[in-house]
Amino acid sequence: MVIRSALRTAALATTGLLALTGVAACGGDGSGADPDRVDVVAAFYPLQFVAERVGGDAVRVTNLAKPGAEPHDLELNPGQVGQVSDAELVVYLAGFQPSVDEAVRQQAGDRAFDVAGVAPLLDATAGGHEHEGEEGHQGEEEHEGAGAAGEEHEGEAAGKDPHVWLDPTRLAGIADRLAERLGAVDPDRATDYTTRAGTLRAELETLDSEYAEGLKTCQRRELVTSHTAFGYLAQRYQLEQIGISGLTPEDEPAPQRLAEVAAEAREHRTTTIFFETLVSPKVAETIAREVGAKTAVLDPIEGLQPDSTGDYLSVMRSNLGALRTALGCS
């Protein structure tokens, strides 16, 4: 942990140096490169999706996280720092990507839109079991009272779950607020942004209804995952998340935690151990072999694969199908 903290400190210091390089290379005035479109920088894929849907042809959206890359680990190069400096609006989630936070702090100023401030974030243990010494509470009370600060990956010190987009109704709220911010940047097209946000809200509400109906009657409600990214989804649809590792997917779970998850999987007659697309499935496969279950993908949609032809909505529907099969839903 000491080594990881030192590496993170060095990376943030490097980001600061890159920021200076970026300013030297770019104008840094947030004026954008295209006078006919608003230049928006999105920190990772779900924010890109919302910005493109709400902005339509009136915006040009740049995603800082490349397809297929784990966005938690993003380190910005000088060109990306320059993009943050030049953007007319930077859409990010404070605490999720430290290098982005640092670039926003140094370069974006009042041109930043932090989606963590739209609604209170859940505690890290919401929708699932506490483990490895974490403290937390479940339920709607916590949804209302949780603070809006982002997650701190080193030790999960902030104790907040950043994966807010896995609740479609929360993502709709982000879209509404993004429309307001775009309207402030580009008043002539404010009505268009509001209209497109309303269209997206309707689609997300339809998706929410599909989830509620599809997961209403199931043999099991326990969701065993390699990465505790699904607290919002679990809370929204009355599931219980049993996570093998914590919010940081590359963290290695302790042997005691592996034994606990295996015991719970047997207790609940779990048929499927879920892993995700951007990290190794080895730990999930180990648990699955031990309890006689199979593995399947449950995508936290932090990013798309390079060859993907889908989008947020299609991946969420694929997730619903995987959940219905794993939980024995009728």
C-alpha atoms as a PDB file:
ATOM      1  CA  MET A   1       0.000   0.000   0.000  1.00  0.00           C
ATOM      2  CA  VAL A   2       2.910   2.349   0.809  1.00  0.00           C
ATOM      3  CA  ILE A   3       4.384   1.652  -2.622  1.00  0.00           C
ATOM      4  CA  ARG A   4       1.023   2.272  -4.328  1.00  0.00           C
ATOM      5  CA  SER A   5       0.582   5.547  -2.416  1.00  0.00           C
ATOM      6  CA  ALA A   6       4.065   6.677  -3.432  1.00  0.00           C
ATOM      7  CA  LEU A   7       3.395   5.836  -7.056  1.00  0.00           C
ATOM      8  CA  ARG A   8       0.083   7.710  -6.952  1.00  0.00           C
ATOM      9  CA  THR A   9       1.777  10.759  -5.407  1.00  0.00           C
ATOM     10  CA  ALA A  10       4.421  10.688  -8.123  1.00  0.00           C
ATOM     11  CA  ALA A  11       1.743  10.344 -10.804  1.00  0.00           C
ATOM     12  CA  LEU A  12      -0.149  13.352  -9.503  1.00  0.00           C
ATOM     13  CA  ALA A  13       3.043  15.381  -9.412  1.00  0.00           C
ATOM     14  CA  THR A  14       3.680  14.363 -13.014  1.00  0.00           C
ATOM     15  CA  THR A  15       0.155  15.477 -13.916  1.00  0.00           C
ATOM     16  CA  GLY A  16       0.971  18.893 -12.479  1.00  0.00           C
ATOM     17  CA  LEU A  17       4.046  19.156 -14.697  1.00  0.00           C
ATOM     18  CA  LEU A  18       2.037  17.975 -17.685  1.00  0.00           C
ATOM     19  CA  ALA A  19      -0.529  20.646 -16.913  1.00  0.00           C
ATOM     20  CA  LEU A  20       2.117  23.321 -17.273  1.00  0.00           C
ATOM     21  CA  THR A  21       3.204  21.762 -20.564  1.00  0.00           C
ATOM     22  CA  GLY A  22      -0.421  21.679 -21.697  1.00  0.00           C
ATOM     23  CA  VAL A  23      -0.895  25.343 -20.962  1.00  0.00           C
ATOM     24  CA  ALA A  24       2.206  26.192 -22.934  1.00  0.00           C
ATOM     25  CA  ALA A  25       0.946  24.203 -25.900  1.00  0.00           C
ATOM     26  CA  CYS A  26      -2.666  25.378 -25.819  1.00  0.00           C
ATOM     27  CA  GLY A  27      -4.589  28.564 -25.380  1.00  0.00           C
ATOM     28  CA  GLY A  28      -6.128  27.562 -22.056  1.00  0.00           C
ATOM     29  CA  ASP A  29      -9.036  29.982 -22.423  1.00  0.00           C
ATOM     30  CA  GLY A  30     -11.820  27.438 -22.874  1.00  0.00           C
ATOM     31  CA  SER A  31     -12.685  28.960 -26.221  1.00  0.00           C
ATOM     32  CA  GLY A  32     -12.893  25.619 -28.082  1.00  0.00           C
ATOM     33  CA  ALA A  33     -11.603  24.763 -31.528  1.00  0.00           C
ATOM     34  CA  ASP A  34     -14.910  24.809 -33.431  1.00  0.00           C
ATOM     35  CA  PRO A  35     -16.871  28.080 -33.310  1.00  0.00           C
ATOM     36  CA  ASP A  36     -20.075  26.290 -34.362  1.00  0.00           C
ATOM     37  CA  ARG A  37     -19.994  23.607 -31.651  1.00  0.00           C
ATOM     38  CA  VAL A  38     -19.395  23.511 -27.914  1.00  0.00           C
ATOM     39  CA  ASP A  39     -16.137  21.710 -27.133  1.00  0.00           C
ATOM     40  CA  VAL A  40     -16.875  19.224 -24.317  1.00  0.00           C
ATOM     41  CA  VAL A  41     -14.367  16.927 -22.606  1.00  0.00           C
ATOM     42  CA  ALA A  42     -15.822  13.851 -20.854  1.00  0.00           C
ATOM     43  CA  ALA A  43     -13.683  12.010 -18.313  1.00  0.00           C
ATOM     44  CA  PHE A  44     -14.932   8.499 -19.182  1.00  0.00           C
ATOM     45  CA  TYR A  45     -17.553   6.684 -21.261  1.00  0.00           C
ATOM     46  CA  PRO A  46     -20.924   7.111 -19.458  1.00  0.00           C
ATOM     47  CA  LEU A  47     -20.305  10.858 -19.304  1.00  0.00           C
ATOM     48  CA  GLN A  48     -19.419  10.846 -22.996  1.00  0.00           C
ATOM     49  CA  PHE A  49     -22.694   9.037 -23.727  1.00  0.00           C
ATOM     50  CA  VAL A  50     -24.779  11.586 -21.846  1.00  0.00           C
ATOM     51  CA  ALA A  51     -22.908  14.574 -23.320  1.00  0.00           C
ATOM     52  CA  GLU A  52     -23.373  13.290 -26.867  1.00  0.00           C
ATOM     53  CA  ARG A  53     -27.056  12.517 -26.370  1.00  0.00           C
ATOM     54  CA  VAL A  54     -27.862  15.842 -24.709  1.00  0.00           C
ATOM     55  CA  GLY A  55     -25.555  17.909 -26.913  1.00  0.00           C
ATOM     56  CA  GLY A  56     -26.351  16.320 -30.253  1.00  0.00           C
ATOM     57  CA  ASP A  57     -24.794  18.048 -33.269  1.00  0.00           C
ATOM     58  CA  ALA A  58     -24.214  21.196 -31.215  1.00  0.00           C
ATOM     59  CA  VAL A  59     -21.290  19.689 -29.294  1.00  0.00           C
ATOM     60  CA  ARG A  60     -17.987  17.987 -29.996  1.00  0.00           C
ATOM     61  CA  VAL A  61     -17.228  15.471 -27.230  1.00  0.00           C
ATOM     62  CA  THR A  62     -13.746  14.146 -26.438  1.00  0.00           C
ATOM     63  CA  ASN A  63     -13.442  11.137 -24.092  1.00  0.00           C
ATOM     64  CA  LEU A  64     -10.232  11.166 -22.027  1.00  0.00           C
ATOM     65  CA  ALA A  65     -10.396   7.403 -21.382  1.00  0.00           C
ATOM     66  CA  LYS A  66      -9.611   5.217 -24.397  1.00  0.00           C
ATOM     67  CA  PRO A  67     -11.888   2.247 -25.218  1.00  0.00           C
ATOM     68  CA  GLY A  68     -10.698  -0.913 -23.505  1.00  0.00           C
ATOM     69  CA  ALA A  69      -8.720   0.948 -20.813  1.00  0.00           C
ATOM     70  CA  GLU A  70      -9.582   0.893 -17.116  1.00  0.00           C
ATOM     71  CA  PRO A  71     -10.643   4.514 -16.402  1.00  0.00           C
ATOM     72  CA  HIS A  72      -9.711   4.364 -12.686  1.00  0.00           C
ATOM     73  CA  ASP A  73      -6.047   4.170 -13.717  1.00  0.00           C
ATOM     74  CA  LEU A  74      -6.072   6.983 -16.279  1.00  0.00           C
ATOM     75  CA  GLU A  75      -2.979   9.174 -16.319  1.00  0.00           C
ATOM     76  CA  LEU A  76      -3.221  12.202 -18.594  1.00  0.00           C
ATOM     77  CA  ASN A  77      -0.615  13.006 -21.231  1.00  0.00           C
ATOM     78  CA  PRO A  78       0.219  16.630 -22.183  1.00  0.00           C
ATOM     79  CA  GLY A  79      -2.239  16.609 -25.066  1.00  0.00           C
ATOM     80  CA  GLN A  80      -5.088  15.518 -22.809  1.00  0.00           C
ATOM     81  CA  VAL A  81      -4.243  18.170 -20.231  1.00  0.00           C
ATOM     82  CA  GLY A  82      -4.366  20.650 -23.098  1.00  0.00           C
ATOM     83  CA  GLN A  83      -7.827  19.361 -24.036  1.00  0.00           C
ATOM     84  CA  VAL A  84      -9.022  19.978 -20.474  1.00  0.00           C
ATOM     85  CA  SER A  85      -7.507  23.466 -20.629  1.00  0.00           C
ATOM     86  CA  ASP A  86      -9.184  24.340 -23.933  1.00  0.00           C
ATOM     87  CA  ALA A  87     -12.595  22.743 -23.351  1.00  0.00           C
ATOM     88  CA  GLU A  88     -15.637  24.926 -22.938  1.00  0.00           C
ATOM     89  CA  LEU A  89     -17.069  22.353 -20.535  1.00  0.00           C
ATOM     90  CA  VAL A  90     -15.356  19.463 -18.709  1.00  0.00           C
ATOM     91  CA  VAL A  91     -17.689  16.724 -17.451  1.00  0.00           C
ATOM     92  CA  TYR A  92     -16.118  14.567 -14.747  1.00  0.00           C
ATOM     93  CA  LEU A  93     -16.806  12.761 -11.462  1.00  0.00           C
ATOM     94  CA  ALA A  94     -14.659  14.050  -8.600  1.00  0.00           C
ATOM     95  CA  GLY A  95     -12.655  11.337  -6.858  1.00  0.00           C
ATOM     96  CA  PHE A  96     -12.996   8.708  -9.573  1.00  0.00           C
ATOM     97  CA  GLN A  97      -9.859   9.612 -11.561  1.00  0.00           C
ATOM     98  CA  PRO A  98      -7.224  11.501  -9.530  1.00  0.00           C
ATOM     99  CA  SER A  99      -5.286  12.705 -12.577  1.00  0.00           C
ATOM    100  CA  VAL A 100      -8.456  14.218 -14.043  1.00  0.00           C
ATOM    101  CA  ASP A 101      -9.248  15.872 -10.713  1.00  0.00           C
ATOM    102  CA  GLU A 102      -5.810  17.464 -10.701  1.00  0.00           C
ATOM    103  CA  ALA A 103      -6.096  18.691 -14.289  1.00  0.00           C
ATOM    104  CA  VAL A 104      -9.565  20.103 -13.595  1.00  0.00           C
ATOM    105  CA  ARG A 105      -8.301  21.881 -10.484  1.00  0.00           C
ATOM    106  CA  GLN A 106      -5.398  23.467 -12.343  1.00  0.00           C
ATOM    107  CA  GLN A 107      -6.924  24.085 -15.770  1.00  0.00           C
ATOM    108  CA  ALA A 108     -10.735  24.005 -15.897  1.00  0.00           C
ATOM    109  CA  GLY A 109     -11.895  26.459 -13.255  1.00  0.00           C
ATOM    110  CA  ASP A 110     -15.586  27.250 -13.546  1.00  0.00           C
ATOM    111  CA  ARG A 111     -15.793  25.315 -16.817  1.00  0.00           C
ATOM    112  CA  ALA A 112     -16.003  22.010 -14.909  1.00  0.00           C
ATOM    113  CA  PHE A 113     -19.224  20.101 -14.258  1.00  0.00           C
ATOM    114  CA  ASP A 114     -18.860  17.535 -11.438  1.00  0.00           C
ATOM    115  CA  VAL A 115     -21.623  14.936 -11.759  1.00  0.00           C
ATOM    116  CA  ALA A 116     -20.946  13.787  -8.172  1.00  0.00           C
ATOM    117  CA  GLY A 117     -22.661  16.992  -7.095  1.00  0.00           C
ATOM    118  CA  VAL A 118     -25.954  16.233  -8.859  1.00  0.00           C
ATOM    119  CA  ALA A 119     -27.187  13.819  -6.163  1.00  0.00           C
ATOM    120  CA  PRO A 120     -25.628  12.360  -3.006  1.00  0.00           C
ATOM    121  CA  LEU A 121     -23.396   9.366  -3.694  1.00  0.00           C
ATOM    122  CA  LEU A 122     -24.047   6.066  -1.939  1.00  0.00           C
ATOM    123  CA  ASP A 123     -21.707   4.699   0.678  1.00  0.00           C
ATOM    124  CA  ALA A 124     -19.315   2.105  -0.719  1.00  0.00           C
ATOM    125  CA  THR A 125     -21.107  -0.777   1.001  1.00  0.00           C
ATOM    126  CA  ALA A 126     -24.620   0.135  -0.168  1.00  0.00           C
ATOM    127  CA  GLY A 127     -26.533  -2.764  -1.673  1.00  0.00           C
ATOM    128  CA  GLY A 128     -24.148  -5.364  -0.308  1.00  0.00           C
ATOM    129  CA  HIS A 129     -22.134  -6.844   2.529  1.00  0.00           C
ATOM    130  CA  GLU A 130     -19.466  -5.029   4.489  1.00  0.00           C
ATOM    131  CA  HIS A 131     -16.062  -6.693   4.289  1.00  0.00           C
ATOM    132  CA  GLU A 132     -12.410  -6.333   5.130  1.00  0.00           C
ATOM    133  CA  GLY A 133     -13.059  -3.891   7.975  1.00  0.00           C
ATOM    134  CA  GLU A 134     -15.239  -1.480   6.027  1.00  0.00           C
ATOM    135  CA  GLU A 135     -18.048   0.277   7.812  1.00  0.00           C
ATOM    136  CA  GLY A 136     -21.264   1.220   6.113  1.00  0.00           C
ATOM    137  CA  HIS A 137     -25.028   1.092   6.110  1.00  0.00           C
ATOM    138  CA  GLN A 138     -27.580   0.044   3.563  1.00  0.00           C
ATOM    139  CA  GLY A 139     -30.911   1.428   2.564  1.00  0.00           C
ATOM    140  CA  GLU A 140     -32.655   4.522   1.319  1.00  0.00           C
ATOM    141  CA  GLU A 141     -31.718   6.514   4.406  1.00  0.00           C
ATOM    142  CA  GLU A 142     -28.115   6.439   3.299  1.00  0.00           C
ATOM    143  CA  HIS A 143     -29.106   7.477  -0.238  1.00  0.00           C
ATOM    144  CA  GLU A 144     -30.594  10.669   1.125  1.00  0.00           C
ATOM    145  CA  GLY A 145     -27.874  11.458   3.641  1.00  0.00           C
ATOM    146  CA  ALA A 146     -24.653  10.515   1.884  1.00  0.00           C
ATOM    147  CA  GLY A 147     -22.241  13.291   0.951  1.00  0.00           C
ATOM    148  CA  ALA A 148     -21.319  14.202  -2.598  1.00  0.00           C
ATOM    149  CA  ALA A 149     -17.583  13.702  -2.250  1.00  0.00           C
ATOM    150  CA  GLY A 150     -15.932  11.248  -4.636  1.00  0.00           C
ATOM    151  CA  GLU A 151     -14.228   7.977  -3.842  1.00  0.00           C
ATOM    152  CA  GLU A 152     -10.607   7.830  -2.700  1.00  0.00           C
ATOM    153  CA  HIS A 153      -9.192   4.587  -4.050  1.00  0.00           C
ATOM    154  CA  GLU A 154      -6.317   4.279  -1.582  1.00  0.00           C
ATOM    155  CA  GLY A 155      -8.096   2.387   1.207  1.00  0.00           C
ATOM    156  CA  GLU A 156     -11.466   3.639  -0.077  1.00  0.00           C
ATOM    157  CA  ALA A 157     -11.075   6.377   2.517  1.00  0.00           C
ATOM    158  CA  ALA A 158     -13.937   8.519   1.307  1.00  0.00           C
ATOM    159  CA  GLY A 159     -16.254   5.498   1.398  1.00  0.00           C
ATOM    160  CA  LYS A 160     -18.374   6.582  -1.582  1.00  0.00           C
ATOM    161  CA  ASP A 161     -19.368   4.536  -4.619  1.00  0.00           C
ATOM    162  CA  PRO A 162     -18.827   6.493  -7.865  1.00  0.00           C
ATOM    163  CA  HIS A 163     -20.785   4.140 -10.185  1.00  0.00           C
ATOM    164  CA  VAL A 164     -23.871   6.339 -10.172  1.00  0.00           C
ATOM    165  CA  TRP A 165     -24.675   5.720 -13.852  1.00  0.00           C
ATOM    166  CA  LEU A 166     -25.769   2.124 -13.116  1.00  0.00           C
ATOM    167  CA  ASP A 167     -29.067   3.536 -11.817  1.00  0.00           C
ATOM    168  CA  PRO A 168     -30.798   4.847 -14.974  1.00  0.00           C
ATOM    169  CA  THR A 169     -32.916   7.297 -12.986  1.00  0.00           C
ATOM    170  CA  ARG A 170     -29.815   8.920 -11.522  1.00  0.00           C
ATOM    171  CA  LEU A 171     -28.238   9.152 -14.966  1.00  0.00           C
ATOM    172  CA  ALA A 172     -31.399  10.946 -16.147  1.00  0.00           C
ATOM    173  CA  GLY A 173     -30.870  13.518 -13.400  1.00  0.00           C
ATOM    174  CA  ILE A 174     -27.284  14.039 -14.577  1.00  0.00           C
ATOM    175  CA  ALA A 175     -28.568  14.570 -18.123  1.00  0.00           C
ATOM    176  CA  ASP A 176     -31.035  17.218 -16.941  1.00  0.00           C
ATOM    177  CA  ARG A 177     -28.324  19.139 -15.100  1.00  0.00           C
ATOM    178  CA  LEU A 178     -25.903  18.810 -18.011  1.00  0.00           C
ATOM    179  CA  ALA A 179     -28.541  20.358 -20.285  1.00  0.00           C
ATOM    180  CA  GLU A 180     -28.664  23.344 -17.930  1.00  0.00           C
ATOM    181  CA  ARG A 181     -24.876  23.741 -17.998  1.00  0.00           C
ATOM    182  CA  LEU A 182     -24.739  23.473 -21.785  1.00  0.00           C
ATOM    183  CA  GLY A 183     -27.533  26.029 -22.012  1.00  0.00           C
ATOM    184  CA  ALA A 184     -25.489  28.413 -19.887  1.00  0.00           C
ATOM    185  CA  VAL A 185     -22.485  27.964 -22.190  1.00  0.00           C
ATOM    186  CA  ASP A 186     -24.573  28.186 -25.365  1.00  0.00           C
ATOM    187  CA  PRO A 187     -27.791  30.131 -24.600  1.00  0.00           C
ATOM    188  CA  ASP A 188     -28.971  30.222 -28.219  1.00  0.00           C
ATOM    189  CA  ARG A 189     -29.465  26.445 -28.161  1.00  0.00           C
ATOM    190  CA  ALA A 190     -30.556  26.024 -24.533  1.00  0.00           C
ATOM    191  CA  THR A 191     -34.022  24.820 -25.527  1.00  0.00           C
ATOM    192  CA  ASP A 192     -32.519  22.162 -27.794  1.00  0.00           C
ATOM    193  CA  TYR A 193     -30.390  20.811 -24.951  1.00  0.00           C
ATOM    194  CA  THR A 194     -33.402  20.651 -22.645  1.00  0.00           C
ATOM    195  CA  THR A 195     -35.445  18.849 -25.293  1.00  0.00           C
ATOM    196  CA  ARG A 196     -32.746  16.261 -25.929  1.00  0.00           C
ATOM    197  CA  ALA A 197     -32.310  15.689 -22.192  1.00  0.00           C
ATOM    198  CA  GLY A 198     -36.046  15.059 -21.964  1.00  0.00           C
ATOM    199  CA  THR A 199     -35.850  12.519 -24.779  1.00  0.00           C
ATOM    200  CA  LEU A 200     -32.971  10.740 -23.043  1.00  0.00           C
ATOM    201  CA  ARG A 201     -34.851  10.791 -19.735  1.00  0.00           C
ATOM    202  CA  ALA A 202     -37.794   9.020 -21.395  1.00  0.00           C
ATOM    203  CA  GLU A 203     -35.451   6.322 -22.746  1.00  0.00           C
ATOM    204  CA  LEU A 204     -33.820   5.876 -19.354  1.00  0.00           C
ATOM    205  CA  GLU A 205     -37.184   5.644 -17.632  1.00  0.00           C
ATOM    206  CA  THR A 206     -38.180   2.929 -20.099  1.00  0.00           C
ATOM    207  CA  LEU A 207     -34.954   1.081 -19.258  1.00  0.00           C
ATOM    208  CA  ASP A 208     -35.707   1.486 -15.550  1.00  0.00           C
ATOM    209  CA  SER A 209     -39.162  -0.060 -16.077  1.00  0.00           C
ATOM    210  CA  GLU A 210     -37.630  -2.985 -17.967  1.00  0.00           C
ATOM    211  CA  TYR A 211     -35.262  -3.657 -15.060  1.00  0.00           C
ATOM    212  CA  ALA A 212     -37.998  -3.363 -12.434  1.00  0.00           C
ATOM    213  CA  GLU A 213     -40.263  -5.755 -14.318  1.00  0.00           C
ATOM    214  CA  GLY A 214     -37.497  -8.145 -15.386  1.00  0.00           C
ATOM    215  CA  LEU A 215     -36.111  -8.511 -11.845  1.00  0.00           C
ATOM    216  CA  LYS A 216     -39.425  -8.520  -9.993  1.00  0.00           C
ATOM    217  CA  THR A 217     -39.770 -12.300  -9.585  1.00  0.00           C
ATOM    218  CA  CYS A 218     -36.482 -14.181  -9.206  1.00  0.00           C
ATOM    219  CA  GLN A 219     -35.370 -17.307  -7.358  1.00  0.00           C
ATOM    220  CA  ARG A 220     -32.405 -15.435  -5.885  1.00  0.00           C
ATOM    221  CA  ARG A 221     -31.626 -11.805  -5.191  1.00  0.00           C
ATOM    222  CA  GLU A 222     -27.940 -12.179  -4.283  1.00  0.00           C
ATOM    223  CA  LEU A 223     -25.506 -10.845  -6.855  1.00  0.00           C
ATOM    224  CA  VAL A 224     -21.931 -12.191  -6.563  1.00  0.00           C
ATOM    225  CA  THR A 225     -19.508  -9.889  -8.386  1.00  0.00           C
ATOM    226  CA  SER A 226     -15.734  -9.616  -8.738  1.00  0.00           C
ATOM    227  CA  HIS A 227     -15.872  -5.828  -8.185  1.00  0.00           C
ATOM    228  CA  THR A 228     -18.328  -3.992  -5.935  1.00  0.00           C
ATOM    229  CA  ALA A 229     -19.436  -1.622  -8.685  1.00  0.00           C
ATOM    230  CA  PHE A 230     -23.138  -2.461  -8.594  1.00  0.00           C
ATOM    231  CA  GLY A 231     -24.405  -0.820  -5.409  1.00  0.00           C
ATOM    232  CA  TYR A 232     -26.690   1.623  -7.243  1.00  0.00           C
ATOM    233  CA  LEU A 233     -28.167  -1.120  -9.403  1.00  0.00           C
ATOM    234  CA  ALA A 234     -28.616  -3.403  -6.378  1.00  0.00           C
ATOM    235  CA  GLN A 235     -30.331  -0.726  -4.330  1.00  0.00           C
ATOM    236  CA  ARG A 236     -32.602   0.396  -7.160  1.00  0.00           C
ATOM    237  CA  TYR A 237     -33.867  -3.116  -7.926  1.00  0.00           C
ATOM    238  CA  GLN A 238     -33.803  -4.668  -4.436  1.00  0.00           C
ATOM    239  CA  LEU A 239     -30.814  -6.951  -5.014  1.00  0.00           C
ATOM    240  CA  GLU A 240     -27.982  -7.768  -2.619  1.00  0.00           C
ATOM    241  CA  GLN A 241     -24.445  -7.295  -3.911  1.00  0.00           C
ATOM    242  CA  ILE A 242     -21.782  -9.704  -2.615  1.00  0.00           C
ATOM    243  CA  GLY A 243     -18.455  -8.319  -3.820  1.00  0.00           C
ATOM    244  CA  ILE A 244     -15.216 -10.284  -3.957  1.00  0.00           C
ATOM    245  CA  SER A 245     -13.008  -7.185  -4.119  1.00  0.00           C
ATOM    246  CA  GLY A 246     -13.736  -3.567  -3.269  1.00  0.00           C
ATOM    247  CA  LEU A 247     -14.384  -0.508  -5.403  1.00  0.00           C
ATOM    248  CA  THR A 248     -10.897  -0.594  -6.880  1.00  0.00           C
ATOM    249  CA  PRO A 249     -11.023  -3.564  -9.280  1.00  0.00           C
ATOM    250  CA  GLU A 250      -7.298  -4.285  -9.285  1.00  0.00           C
ATOM    251  CA  ASP A 251      -7.215  -4.803  -5.493  1.00  0.00           C
ATOM    252  CA  GLU A 252      -6.388  -8.406  -4.578  1.00  0.00           C
ATOM    253  CA  PRO A 253      -8.959  -9.823  -2.115  1.00  0.00           C
ATOM    254  CA  ALA A 254      -7.635 -11.406   1.056  1.00  0.00           C
ATOM    255  CA  PRO A 255      -7.871 -15.227   1.361  1.00  0.00           C
ATOM    256  CA  GLN A 256     -10.384 -14.747   4.174  1.00  0.00           C
ATOM    257  CA  ARG A 257     -12.612 -12.733   1.848  1.00  0.00           C
ATOM    258  CA  LEU A 258     -12.448 -15.432  -0.831  1.00  0.00           C
ATOM    259  CA  ALA A 259     -13.528 -18.008   1.728  1.00  0.00           C
ATOM    260  CA  GLU A 260     -16.395 -15.782   2.914  1.00  0.00           C
ATOM    261  CA  VAL A 261     -17.691 -15.241  -0.625  1.00  0.00           C
ATOM    262  CA  ALA A 262     -17.480 -18.965  -1.411  1.00  0.00           C
ATOM    263  CA  ALA A 263     -19.467 -19.743   1.732  1.00  0.00           C
ATOM    264  CA  GLU A 264     -22.138 -17.183   0.850  1.00  0.00           C
ATOM    265  CA  ALA A 265     -22.333 -18.435  -2.722  1.00  0.00           C
ATOM    266  CA  ARG A 266     -22.990 -21.966  -1.445  1.00  0.00           C
ATOM    267  CA  GLU A 267     -25.543 -20.710   1.076  1.00  0.00           C
ATOM    268  CA  HIS A 268     -27.520 -18.882  -1.605  1.00  0.00           C
ATOM    269  CA  ARG A 269     -27.086 -21.639  -4.209  1.00  0.00           C
ATOM    270  CA  THR A 270     -25.431 -19.146  -6.522  1.00  0.00           C
ATOM    271  CA  THR A 271     -25.187 -20.387 -10.094  1.00  0.00           C
ATOM    272  CA  THR A 272     -23.140 -17.526 -11.562  1.00  0.00           C
ATOM    273  CA  ILE A 273     -20.121 -15.516 -10.432  1.00  0.00           C
ATOM    274  CA  PHE A 274     -19.921 -12.264 -12.371  1.00  0.00           C
ATOM    275  CA  PHE A 275     -16.760 -10.629 -13.664  1.00  0.00           C
ATOM    276  CA  GLU A 276     -16.367  -7.483 -15.719  1.00  0.00           C
ATOM    277  CA  THR A 277     -14.981  -6.624 -19.117  1.00  0.00           C
ATOM    278  CA  LEU A 278     -11.955  -4.440 -18.285  1.00  0.00           C
ATOM    279  CA  VAL A 279     -10.247  -6.537 -15.584  1.00  0.00           C
ATOM    280  CA  SER A 280      -9.017 -10.126 -15.240  1.00  0.00           C
ATOM    281  CA  PRO A 281     -11.689 -12.804 -14.559  1.00  0.00           C
ATOM    282  CA  LYS A 282      -9.255 -15.035 -12.605  1.00  0.00           C
ATOM    283  CA  VAL A 283     -10.625 -14.376  -9.130  1.00  0.00           C
ATOM    284  CA  ALA A 284     -14.225 -14.913 -10.256  1.00  0.00           C
ATOM    285  CA  GLU A 285     -13.174 -18.135 -11.983  1.00  0.00           C
ATOM    286  CA  THR A 286     -11.492 -19.342  -8.786  1.00  0.00           C
ATOM    287  CA  ILE A 287     -14.679 -18.861  -6.745  1.00  0.00           C
ATOM    288  CA  ALA A 288     -16.805 -20.400  -9.479  1.00  0.00           C
ATOM    289  CA  ARG A 289     -14.691 -23.553  -9.586  1.00  0.00           C
ATOM    290  CA  GLU A 290     -14.825 -23.886  -5.818  1.00  0.00           C
ATOM    291  CA  VAL A 291     -18.624 -23.673  -5.584  1.00  0.00           C
ATOM    292  CA  GLY A 292     -19.508 -25.376  -8.865  1.00  0.00           C
ATOM    293  CA  ALA A 293     -20.877 -22.241 -10.520  1.00  0.00           C
ATOM    294  CA  LYS A 294     -20.255 -20.711 -13.927  1.00  0.00           C
ATOM    295  CA  THR A 295     -18.956 -17.246 -14.758  1.00  0.00           C
ATOM    296  CA  ALA A 296     -20.565 -14.511 -16.835  1.00  0.00           C
ATOM    297  CA  VAL A 297     -19.942 -10.862 -17.676  1.00  0.00           C
ATOM    298  CA  LEU A 298     -21.728  -8.103 -15.793  1.00  0.00           C
ATOM    299  CA  ASP A 299     -20.452  -4.866 -17.259  1.00  0.00           C
ATOM    300  CA  PRO A 300     -20.112  -1.792 -14.984  1.00  0.00           C
ATOM    301  CA  ILE A 301     -19.955   0.275 -18.194  1.00  0.00           C
ATOM    302  CA  GLU A 302     -16.922   2.272 -17.110  1.00  0.00           C
ATOM    303  CA  GLY A 303     -15.810   2.044 -20.740  1.00  0.00           C
ATOM    304  CA  LEU A 304     -16.587   0.230 -23.985  1.00  0.00           C
ATOM    305  CA  GLN A 305     -14.414  -2.355 -25.681  1.00  0.00           C
ATOM    306  CA  PRO A 306     -12.480  -1.040 -28.731  1.00  0.00           C
ATOM    307  CA  ASP A 307     -14.577  -3.092 -31.166  1.00  0.00           C
ATOM    308  CA  SER A 308     -17.914  -2.457 -29.467  1.00  0.00           C
ATOM    309  CA  THR A 309     -20.873  -1.371 -31.603  1.00  0.00           C
ATOM    310  CA  GLY A 310     -23.160  -0.875 -28.608  1.00  0.00           C
ATOM    311  CA  ASP A 311     -23.842   1.987 -26.243  1.00  0.00           C
ATOM    312  CA  TYR A 312     -24.900   2.489 -22.634  1.00  0.00           C
ATOM    313  CA  LEU A 313     -28.491   1.419 -23.299  1.00  0.00           C
ATOM    314  CA  SER A 314     -27.596  -1.771 -25.161  1.00  0.00           C
ATOM    315  CA  VAL A 315     -24.996  -2.813 -22.563  1.00  0.00           C
ATOM    316  CA  MET A 316     -27.475  -2.204 -19.739  1.00  0.00           C
ATOM    317  CA  ARG A 317     -29.985  -4.445 -21.526  1.00  0.00           C
ATOM    318  CA  SER A 318     -27.320  -7.135 -21.957  1.00  0.00           C
ATOM    319  CA  ASN A 319     -26.663  -6.853 -18.222  1.00  0.00           C
ATOM    320  CA  LEU A 320     -30.372  -7.313 -17.525  1.00  0.00           C
ATOM    321  CA  GLY A 321     -30.418 -10.514 -19.569  1.00  0.00           C
ATOM    322  CA  ALA A 322     -27.382 -11.842 -17.700  1.00  0.00           C
ATOM    323  CA  LEU A 323     -28.962 -11.009 -14.348  1.00  0.00           C
ATOM    324  CA  ARG A 324     -32.263 -12.673 -15.221  1.00  0.00           C
ATOM    325  CA  THR A 325     -30.454 -15.880 -16.195  1.00  0.00           C
ATOM    326  CA  ALA A 326     -28.180 -15.901 -13.137  1.00  0.00           C
ATOM    327  CA  LEU A 327     -30.925 -15.084 -10.619  1.00  0.00           C
ATOM    328  CA  GLY A 328     -33.517 -17.425 -12.094  1.00  0.00           C
ATOM    329  CA  CYS A 329     -36.063 -14.708 -12.893  1.00  0.00           C
ATOM    330  CA  SER A 330     -39.403 -15.556 -14.461  1.00  0.00           C
END
